Amino acid sequence: MENVQRPGVLFFDVNETLLDLSEVRIAVSEALGGNPGLAELWFPTLLQHSLVVTAAEEFRPFGEIAVATLMMVAQANRVGLSEDRARQAIAPLLSAPLHPDVMPAIERLRQQGFHMGALTNSSREAMEKQLANAGLEGLFDFMLSVEDRNMYKPHRAVYHWAARSRKAPVENCMMIAAHGWDVGGAAWAGMRTAFVARPGQAVFPLAPAPEMIGRDMEDIASRLIAMTP
């Protein structure tokens, strides 16, 4: 059952939740010999190895892990790929467009006075470029990169740090994402959560159920606005 009270702070995931990575997948597929199946394998491999460095109490920039894991996928599948070519393939991440439902939803939430911003695994520099290129920079109250914490989502410490940065109780914050691992991690950390059901994404069944599941960002926005301020 959804809480009837609006959350005090909204944290939005960026990659895939707000940004459409279709062009990135095309570029990665071309770099991997035109194999779209390998392109689909790359992003989960990237997420997996961001968790590897977190579990090992190490840190590398997200873009660096992206290049390294793209080269790993290429090597494992006997595709020749140089480091420079791998960097070129992931470059469209910085200019990825918004999903069409995002801007109307964010503008409605802004008009309703929600305090909101980004919480992303991307580096600070990449996040700033992504949101500026997408036209969201001026609509968000804050932009948080895990680079400032040297630890990747979904470690619970990241969500606690994010809440503290906004001087808000973690239970009065909501994580909005299209990734089951992200809303699961946030829920285990004590945040309220909303799952955006993008194609190909699913809720993690072993995590606490999201407070709300929306077909797109406009659906999530409508349900938030309907809550008691």
C-alpha atoms as a PDB file:
ATOM      1  CA  MET A   1       0.000   0.000   0.000  1.00  0.00           C
ATOM      2  CA  GLU A   2       1.305   3.436  -0.917  1.00  0.00           C
ATOM      3  CA  ASN A   3       2.064   5.982   1.796  1.00  0.00           C
ATOM      4  CA  VAL A   4      -0.443   8.854   1.625  1.00  0.00           C
ATOM      5  CA  GLN A   5       2.211  11.458   2.575  1.00  0.00           C
ATOM      6  CA  ARG A   6       4.535  12.877  -0.055  1.00  0.00           C
ATOM      7  CA  PRO A   7       8.234  12.100   0.383  1.00  0.00           C
ATOM      8  CA  GLY A   8      10.385  15.064   1.306  1.00  0.00           C
ATOM      9  CA  VAL A   9      13.151  14.358  -1.208  1.00  0.00           C
ATOM     10  CA  LEU A  10      13.077  12.565  -4.557  1.00  0.00           C
ATOM     11  CA  PHE A  11      16.270  10.906  -5.791  1.00  0.00           C
ATOM     12  CA  PHE A  12      16.285   9.932  -9.475  1.00  0.00           C
ATOM     13  CA  ASP A  13      18.598   7.379 -10.993  1.00  0.00           C
ATOM     14  CA  VAL A  14      19.935   8.665 -14.327  1.00  0.00           C
ATOM     15  CA  ASN A  15      21.082   5.945 -16.738  1.00  0.00           C
ATOM     16  CA  GLU A  16      18.115   4.049 -18.221  1.00  0.00           C
ATOM     17  CA  THR A  17      15.706   5.606 -15.713  1.00  0.00           C
ATOM     18  CA  LEU A  18      15.829   9.140 -17.141  1.00  0.00           C
ATOM     19  CA  LEU A  19      18.052   8.651 -20.168  1.00  0.00           C
ATOM     20  CA  ASP A  20      17.316   6.438 -23.163  1.00  0.00           C
ATOM     21  CA  LEU A  21      20.487   4.427 -23.832  1.00  0.00           C
ATOM     22  CA  SER A  22      19.363   3.032 -27.203  1.00  0.00           C
ATOM     23  CA  GLU A  23      22.045   4.978 -29.084  1.00  0.00           C
ATOM     24  CA  VAL A  24      24.672   3.761 -26.637  1.00  0.00           C
ATOM     25  CA  ARG A  25      23.634   0.166 -27.248  1.00  0.00           C
ATOM     26  CA  ILE A  26      23.902   0.682 -31.010  1.00  0.00           C
ATOM     27  CA  ALA A  27      27.416   2.117 -30.677  1.00  0.00           C
ATOM     28  CA  VAL A  28      28.480  -0.676 -28.325  1.00  0.00           C
ATOM     29  CA  SER A  29      26.970  -3.302 -30.635  1.00  0.00           C
ATOM     30  CA  GLU A  30      28.979  -1.916 -33.559  1.00  0.00           C
ATOM     31  CA  ALA A  31      32.156  -1.996 -31.467  1.00  0.00           C
ATOM     32  CA  LEU A  32      31.426  -5.633 -30.626  1.00  0.00           C
ATOM     33  CA  GLY A  33      31.226  -6.731 -34.236  1.00  0.00           C
ATOM     34  CA  GLY A  34      27.583  -5.836 -34.779  1.00  0.00           C
ATOM     35  CA  ASN A  35      26.317  -8.304 -32.184  1.00  0.00           C
ATOM     36  CA  PRO A  36      23.380  -6.777 -30.224  1.00  0.00           C
ATOM     37  CA  GLY A  37      23.379  -9.690 -27.800  1.00  0.00           C
ATOM     38  CA  LEU A  38      26.879  -8.779 -26.662  1.00  0.00           C
ATOM     39  CA  ALA A  39      25.813  -5.146 -26.287  1.00  0.00           C
ATOM     40  CA  GLU A  40      23.026  -6.258 -23.930  1.00  0.00           C
ATOM     41  CA  LEU A  41      25.602  -8.239 -21.958  1.00  0.00           C
ATOM     42  CA  TRP A  42      27.905  -5.260 -21.488  1.00  0.00           C
ATOM     43  CA  PHE A  43      25.745  -3.042 -19.208  1.00  0.00           C
ATOM     44  CA  PRO A  44      25.058  -5.783 -16.607  1.00  0.00           C
ATOM     45  CA  THR A  45      28.793  -6.583 -16.709  1.00  0.00           C
ATOM     46  CA  LEU A  46      29.509  -2.912 -16.010  1.00  0.00           C
ATOM     47  CA  LEU A  47      27.135  -2.902 -13.040  1.00  0.00           C
ATOM     48  CA  GLN A  48      28.581  -6.176 -11.749  1.00  0.00           C
ATOM     49  CA  HIS A  49      32.116  -4.836 -11.704  1.00  0.00           C
ATOM     50  CA  SER A  50      31.113  -1.556 -10.078  1.00  0.00           C
ATOM     51  CA  LEU A  51      29.951  -3.797  -7.243  1.00  0.00           C
ATOM     52  CA  VAL A  52      33.220  -5.753  -7.382  1.00  0.00           C
ATOM     53  CA  VAL A  53      35.281  -2.637  -6.660  1.00  0.00           C
ATOM     54  CA  THR A  54      32.825  -1.575  -3.937  1.00  0.00           C
ATOM     55  CA  ALA A  55      32.956  -4.973  -2.227  1.00  0.00           C
ATOM     56  CA  ALA A  56      36.747  -4.885  -2.429  1.00  0.00           C
ATOM     57  CA  GLU A  57      36.693  -1.401  -0.834  1.00  0.00           C
ATOM     58  CA  GLU A  58      38.298   0.067  -3.926  1.00  0.00           C
ATOM     59  CA  PHE A  59      37.022   2.717  -6.316  1.00  0.00           C
ATOM     60  CA  ARG A  60      37.419   3.445 -10.012  1.00  0.00           C
ATOM     61  CA  PRO A  61      35.435   6.004 -12.030  1.00  0.00           C
ATOM     62  CA  PHE A  62      32.313   4.602 -13.674  1.00  0.00           C
ATOM     63  CA  GLY A  63      33.583   5.501 -17.146  1.00  0.00           C
ATOM     64  CA  GLU A  64      36.818   3.648 -16.502  1.00  0.00           C
ATOM     65  CA  ILE A  65      34.888   0.542 -15.447  1.00  0.00           C
ATOM     66  CA  ALA A  66      32.660   0.947 -18.518  1.00  0.00           C
ATOM     67  CA  VAL A  67      35.659   0.826 -20.856  1.00  0.00           C
ATOM     68  CA  ALA A  68      37.289  -2.051 -18.976  1.00  0.00           C
ATOM     69  CA  THR A  69      34.141  -4.196 -18.976  1.00  0.00           C
ATOM     70  CA  LEU A  70      33.463  -3.498 -22.642  1.00  0.00           C
ATOM     71  CA  MET A  71      36.939  -4.786 -23.416  1.00  0.00           C
ATOM     72  CA  MET A  72      36.275  -7.811 -21.193  1.00  0.00           C
ATOM     73  CA  VAL A  73      33.110  -8.675 -23.118  1.00  0.00           C
ATOM     74  CA  ALA A  74      35.005  -8.273 -26.387  1.00  0.00           C
ATOM     75  CA  GLN A  75      37.887 -10.465 -25.230  1.00  0.00           C
ATOM     76  CA  ALA A  76      35.599 -13.178 -23.858  1.00  0.00           C
ATOM     77  CA  ASN A  77      33.831 -13.337 -27.206  1.00  0.00           C
ATOM     78  CA  ARG A  78      36.955 -13.079 -29.368  1.00  0.00           C
ATOM     79  CA  VAL A  79      36.180  -9.646 -30.745  1.00  0.00           C
ATOM     80  CA  GLY A  80      39.144  -7.369 -31.375  1.00  0.00           C
ATOM     81  CA  LEU A  81      38.642  -4.078 -29.553  1.00  0.00           C
ATOM     82  CA  SER A  82      41.179  -1.420 -28.630  1.00  0.00           C
ATOM     83  CA  GLU A  83      40.859   0.801 -25.583  1.00  0.00           C
ATOM     84  CA  ASP A  84      40.411   3.873 -27.811  1.00  0.00           C
ATOM     85  CA  ARG A  85      37.628   2.163 -29.771  1.00  0.00           C
ATOM     86  CA  ALA A  86      35.944   1.149 -26.512  1.00  0.00           C
ATOM     87  CA  ARG A  87      36.037   4.767 -25.304  1.00  0.00           C
ATOM     88  CA  GLN A  88      34.482   5.931 -28.563  1.00  0.00           C
ATOM     89  CA  ALA A  89      31.707   3.352 -28.213  1.00  0.00           C
ATOM     90  CA  ILE A  90      30.600   4.563 -24.787  1.00  0.00           C
ATOM     91  CA  ALA A  91      30.892   8.268 -25.631  1.00  0.00           C
ATOM     92  CA  PRO A  92      27.139   8.515 -26.504  1.00  0.00           C
ATOM     93  CA  LEU A  93      26.420   8.036 -22.773  1.00  0.00           C
ATOM     94  CA  LEU A  94      27.170  11.745 -22.334  1.00  0.00           C
ATOM     95  CA  SER A  95      24.603  12.861 -24.908  1.00  0.00           C
ATOM     96  CA  ALA A  96      21.873  10.253 -24.392  1.00  0.00           C
ATOM     97  CA  PRO A  97      18.380  11.753 -24.803  1.00  0.00           C
ATOM     98  CA  LEU A  98      15.631  11.657 -22.229  1.00  0.00           C
ATOM     99  CA  HIS A  99      12.890   9.085 -22.439  1.00  0.00           C
ATOM    100  CA  PRO A 100       9.892  11.049 -23.808  1.00  0.00           C
ATOM    101  CA  ASP A 101       7.922  10.706 -20.567  1.00  0.00           C
ATOM    102  CA  VAL A 102      10.637  12.261 -18.390  1.00  0.00           C
ATOM    103  CA  MET A 103      10.517  15.998 -19.097  1.00  0.00           C
ATOM    104  CA  PRO A 104       6.721  16.369 -18.680  1.00  0.00           C
ATOM    105  CA  ALA A 105       6.891  14.417 -15.417  1.00  0.00           C
ATOM    106  CA  ILE A 106       9.805  16.418 -14.001  1.00  0.00           C
ATOM    107  CA  GLU A 107       8.196  19.714 -14.958  1.00  0.00           C
ATOM    108  CA  ARG A 108       4.941  18.712 -13.216  1.00  0.00           C
ATOM    109  CA  LEU A 109       6.805  17.677 -10.078  1.00  0.00           C
ATOM    110  CA  ARG A 110       8.773  20.917 -10.151  1.00  0.00           C
ATOM    111  CA  GLN A 111       5.566  22.946 -10.403  1.00  0.00           C
ATOM    112  CA  GLN A 112       4.221  21.078  -7.381  1.00  0.00           C
ATOM    113  CA  GLY A 113       7.252  22.058  -5.315  1.00  0.00           C
ATOM    114  CA  PHE A 114       8.958  18.679  -4.918  1.00  0.00           C
ATOM    115  CA  HIS A 115      12.585  18.780  -3.753  1.00  0.00           C
ATOM    116  CA  MET A 116      14.361  16.513  -6.214  1.00  0.00           C
ATOM    117  CA  GLY A 117      17.606  15.672  -7.935  1.00  0.00           C
ATOM    118  CA  ALA A 118      19.884  12.997  -9.326  1.00  0.00           C
ATOM    119  CA  LEU A 119      21.692  10.188  -7.523  1.00  0.00           C
ATOM    120  CA  THR A 120      23.835   8.340 -10.035  1.00  0.00           C
ATOM    121  CA  ASN A 121      26.728   5.938 -10.381  1.00  0.00           C
ATOM    122  CA  SER A 122      28.119   8.142 -13.168  1.00  0.00           C
ATOM    123  CA  SER A 123      31.066  10.388 -12.344  1.00  0.00           C
ATOM    124  CA  ARG A 124      30.303  13.969 -11.379  1.00  0.00           C
ATOM    125  CA  GLU A 125      31.703  15.293 -14.652  1.00  0.00           C
ATOM    126  CA  ALA A 126      29.712  12.790 -16.709  1.00  0.00           C
ATOM    127  CA  MET A 127      26.522  13.420 -14.725  1.00  0.00           C
ATOM    128  CA  GLU A 128      26.770  17.178 -15.221  1.00  0.00           C
ATOM    129  CA  LYS A 129      27.255  16.727 -18.970  1.00  0.00           C
ATOM    130  CA  GLN A 130      24.428  14.194 -19.206  1.00  0.00           C
ATOM    131  CA  LEU A 131      21.897  16.337 -17.374  1.00  0.00           C
ATOM    132  CA  ALA A 132      22.935  19.549 -19.131  1.00  0.00           C
ATOM    133  CA  ASN A 133      22.668  17.898 -22.549  1.00  0.00           C
ATOM    134  CA  ALA A 134      19.276  16.455 -21.601  1.00  0.00           C
ATOM    135  CA  GLY A 135      17.955  19.819 -20.381  1.00  0.00           C
ATOM    136  CA  LEU A 136      17.398  18.723 -16.779  1.00  0.00           C
ATOM    137  CA  GLU A 137      20.177  20.630 -15.053  1.00  0.00           C
ATOM    138  CA  GLY A 138      18.033  23.679 -14.283  1.00  0.00           C
ATOM    139  CA  LEU A 139      15.083  21.611 -13.078  1.00  0.00           C
ATOM    140  CA  PHE A 140      16.917  19.699 -10.359  1.00  0.00           C
ATOM    141  CA  ASP A 141      17.729  21.059  -6.905  1.00  0.00           C
ATOM    142  CA  PHE A 142      20.854  18.935  -6.599  1.00  0.00           C
ATOM    143  CA  MET A 143      23.000  16.440  -8.485  1.00  0.00           C
ATOM    144  CA  LEU A 144      24.786  13.709  -6.535  1.00  0.00           C
ATOM    145  CA  SER A 145      27.409  11.365  -7.898  1.00  0.00           C
ATOM    146  CA  VAL A 146      28.645   8.354  -5.944  1.00  0.00           C
ATOM    147  CA  GLU A 147      32.115   9.547  -6.927  1.00  0.00           C
ATOM    148  CA  ASP A 148      31.850  11.910  -3.945  1.00  0.00           C
ATOM    149  CA  ARG A 149      31.339   8.886  -1.678  1.00  0.00           C
ATOM    150  CA  ASN A 150      33.792   6.523  -3.471  1.00  0.00           C
ATOM    151  CA  MET A 151      31.226   3.748  -3.305  1.00  0.00           C
ATOM    152  CA  TYR A 152      28.596   2.552  -5.781  1.00  0.00           C
ATOM    153  CA  LYS A 153      24.886   1.989  -5.435  1.00  0.00           C
ATOM    154  CA  PRO A 154      23.289  -0.211  -4.189  1.00  0.00           C
ATOM    155  CA  HIS A 155      25.510  -0.149  -1.086  1.00  0.00           C
ATOM    156  CA  ARG A 156      23.276   1.123   1.704  1.00  0.00           C
ATOM    157  CA  ALA A 157      25.883   3.657   2.782  1.00  0.00           C
ATOM    158  CA  VAL A 158      25.339   5.530  -0.490  1.00  0.00           C
ATOM    159  CA  TYR A 159      21.632   6.059   0.206  1.00  0.00           C
ATOM    160  CA  HIS A 160      22.323   7.117   3.800  1.00  0.00           C
ATOM    161  CA  TRP A 161      24.953   9.578   2.558  1.00  0.00           C
ATOM    162  CA  ALA A 162      22.526  10.959  -0.030  1.00  0.00           C
ATOM    163  CA  ALA A 163      19.836  11.529   2.601  1.00  0.00           C
ATOM    164  CA  ARG A 164      22.317  13.237   4.945  1.00  0.00           C
ATOM    165  CA  SER A 165      23.461  15.494   2.114  1.00  0.00           C
ATOM    166  CA  ARG A 166      19.890  16.816   1.873  1.00  0.00           C
ATOM    167  CA  LYS A 167      19.552  16.995   5.678  1.00  0.00           C
ATOM    168  CA  ALA A 168      16.603  14.615   5.462  1.00  0.00           C
ATOM    169  CA  PRO A 169      15.712  11.434   7.376  1.00  0.00           C
ATOM    170  CA  VAL A 170      16.328   8.488   5.079  1.00  0.00           C
ATOM    171  CA  GLU A 171      12.742   7.308   5.590  1.00  0.00           C
ATOM    172  CA  ASN A 172      11.481  10.639   4.202  1.00  0.00           C
ATOM    173  CA  CYS A 173      13.387  10.151   0.937  1.00  0.00           C
ATOM    174  CA  MET A 174      12.319   8.230  -2.160  1.00  0.00           C
ATOM    175  CA  MET A 175      14.563   6.532  -4.713  1.00  0.00           C
ATOM    176  CA  ILE A 176      13.047   6.418  -8.195  1.00  0.00           C
ATOM    177  CA  ALA A 177      14.722   4.018 -10.602  1.00  0.00           C
ATOM    178  CA  ALA A 178      14.190   1.561 -13.423  1.00  0.00           C
ATOM    179  CA  HIS A 179      16.513  -0.992 -11.831  1.00  0.00           C
ATOM    180  CA  GLY A 180      15.421  -3.667  -9.390  1.00  0.00           C
ATOM    181  CA  TRP A 181      18.841  -3.625  -7.735  1.00  0.00           C
ATOM    182  CA  ASP A 182      18.656   0.145  -7.155  1.00  0.00           C
ATOM    183  CA  VAL A 183      15.184   0.272  -5.606  1.00  0.00           C
ATOM    184  CA  GLY A 184      16.034  -2.880  -3.658  1.00  0.00           C
ATOM    185  CA  GLY A 185      19.198  -1.358  -2.233  1.00  0.00           C
ATOM    186  CA  ALA A 186      17.384   1.860  -1.366  1.00  0.00           C
ATOM    187  CA  ALA A 187      14.560  -0.031   0.357  1.00  0.00           C
ATOM    188  CA  TRP A 188      16.995  -2.066   2.432  1.00  0.00           C
ATOM    189  CA  ALA A 189      18.651   1.232   3.422  1.00  0.00           C
ATOM    190  CA  GLY A 190      15.291   2.506   4.692  1.00  0.00           C
ATOM    191  CA  MET A 191      14.214   4.714   1.782  1.00  0.00           C
ATOM    192  CA  ARG A 192      10.832   4.767   0.142  1.00  0.00           C
ATOM    193  CA  THR A 193      11.029   3.524  -3.438  1.00  0.00           C
ATOM    194  CA  ALA A 194       9.330   3.788  -6.814  1.00  0.00           C
ATOM    195  CA  PHE A 195      10.091   1.462  -9.719  1.00  0.00           C
ATOM    196  CA  VAL A 196       9.775   2.700 -13.302  1.00  0.00           C
ATOM    197  CA  ALA A 197       8.870  -0.352 -15.379  1.00  0.00           C
ATOM    198  CA  ARG A 198      11.017   0.318 -18.439  1.00  0.00           C
ATOM    199  CA  PRO A 199      11.004  -2.469 -21.064  1.00  0.00           C
ATOM    200  CA  GLY A 200      13.351  -5.272 -20.103  1.00  0.00           C
ATOM    201  CA  GLN A 201      13.518  -4.262 -16.430  1.00  0.00           C
ATOM    202  CA  ALA A 202      12.052  -6.102 -13.451  1.00  0.00           C
ATOM    203  CA  VAL A 203      11.727  -5.751  -9.691  1.00  0.00           C
ATOM    204  CA  PHE A 204      14.079  -7.965  -7.642  1.00  0.00           C
ATOM    205  CA  PRO A 205      11.669 -10.425  -5.933  1.00  0.00           C
ATOM    206  CA  LEU A 206      13.876 -10.907  -2.853  1.00  0.00           C
ATOM    207  CA  ALA A 207      13.989  -7.192  -2.022  1.00  0.00           C
ATOM    208  CA  PRO A 208      11.217  -5.264  -0.259  1.00  0.00           C
ATOM    209  CA  ALA A 209       8.444  -4.469  -2.705  1.00  0.00           C
ATOM    210  CA  PRO A 210       8.563  -0.906  -4.080  1.00  0.00           C
ATOM    211  CA  GLU A 211       6.009   1.485  -2.648  1.00  0.00           C
ATOM    212  CA  MET A 212       4.855   2.139  -6.184  1.00  0.00           C
ATOM    213  CA  ILE A 213       5.437   0.672  -9.627  1.00  0.00           C
ATOM    214  CA  GLY A 214       4.686   2.946 -12.561  1.00  0.00           C
ATOM    215  CA  ARG A 215       4.475   2.168 -16.252  1.00  0.00           C
ATOM    216  CA  ASP A 216       6.534   5.310 -16.930  1.00  0.00           C
ATOM    217  CA  MET A 217       7.710   8.495 -15.230  1.00  0.00           C
ATOM    218  CA  GLU A 218       4.456  10.352 -15.852  1.00  0.00           C
ATOM    219  CA  ASP A 219       2.580   7.602 -14.022  1.00  0.00           C
ATOM    220  CA  ILE A 220       4.959   7.931 -11.061  1.00  0.00           C
ATOM    221  CA  ALA A 221       4.589  11.724 -11.083  1.00  0.00           C
ATOM    222  CA  SER A 222       0.791  11.560 -11.077  1.00  0.00           C
ATOM    223  CA  ARG A 223       0.772   9.251  -8.083  1.00  0.00           C
ATOM    224  CA  LEU A 224       3.233  11.442  -6.171  1.00  0.00           C
ATOM    225  CA  ILE A 225       1.238  14.579  -6.878  1.00  0.00           C
ATOM    226  CA  ALA A 226      -1.937  12.869  -5.662  1.00  0.00           C
ATOM    227  CA  MET A 227      -0.353  12.353  -2.229  1.00  0.00           C
ATOM    228  CA  THR A 228      -0.863  14.704   0.705  1.00  0.00           C
ATOM    229  CA  PRO A 229       1.747  17.522   0.726  1.00  0.00           C
END
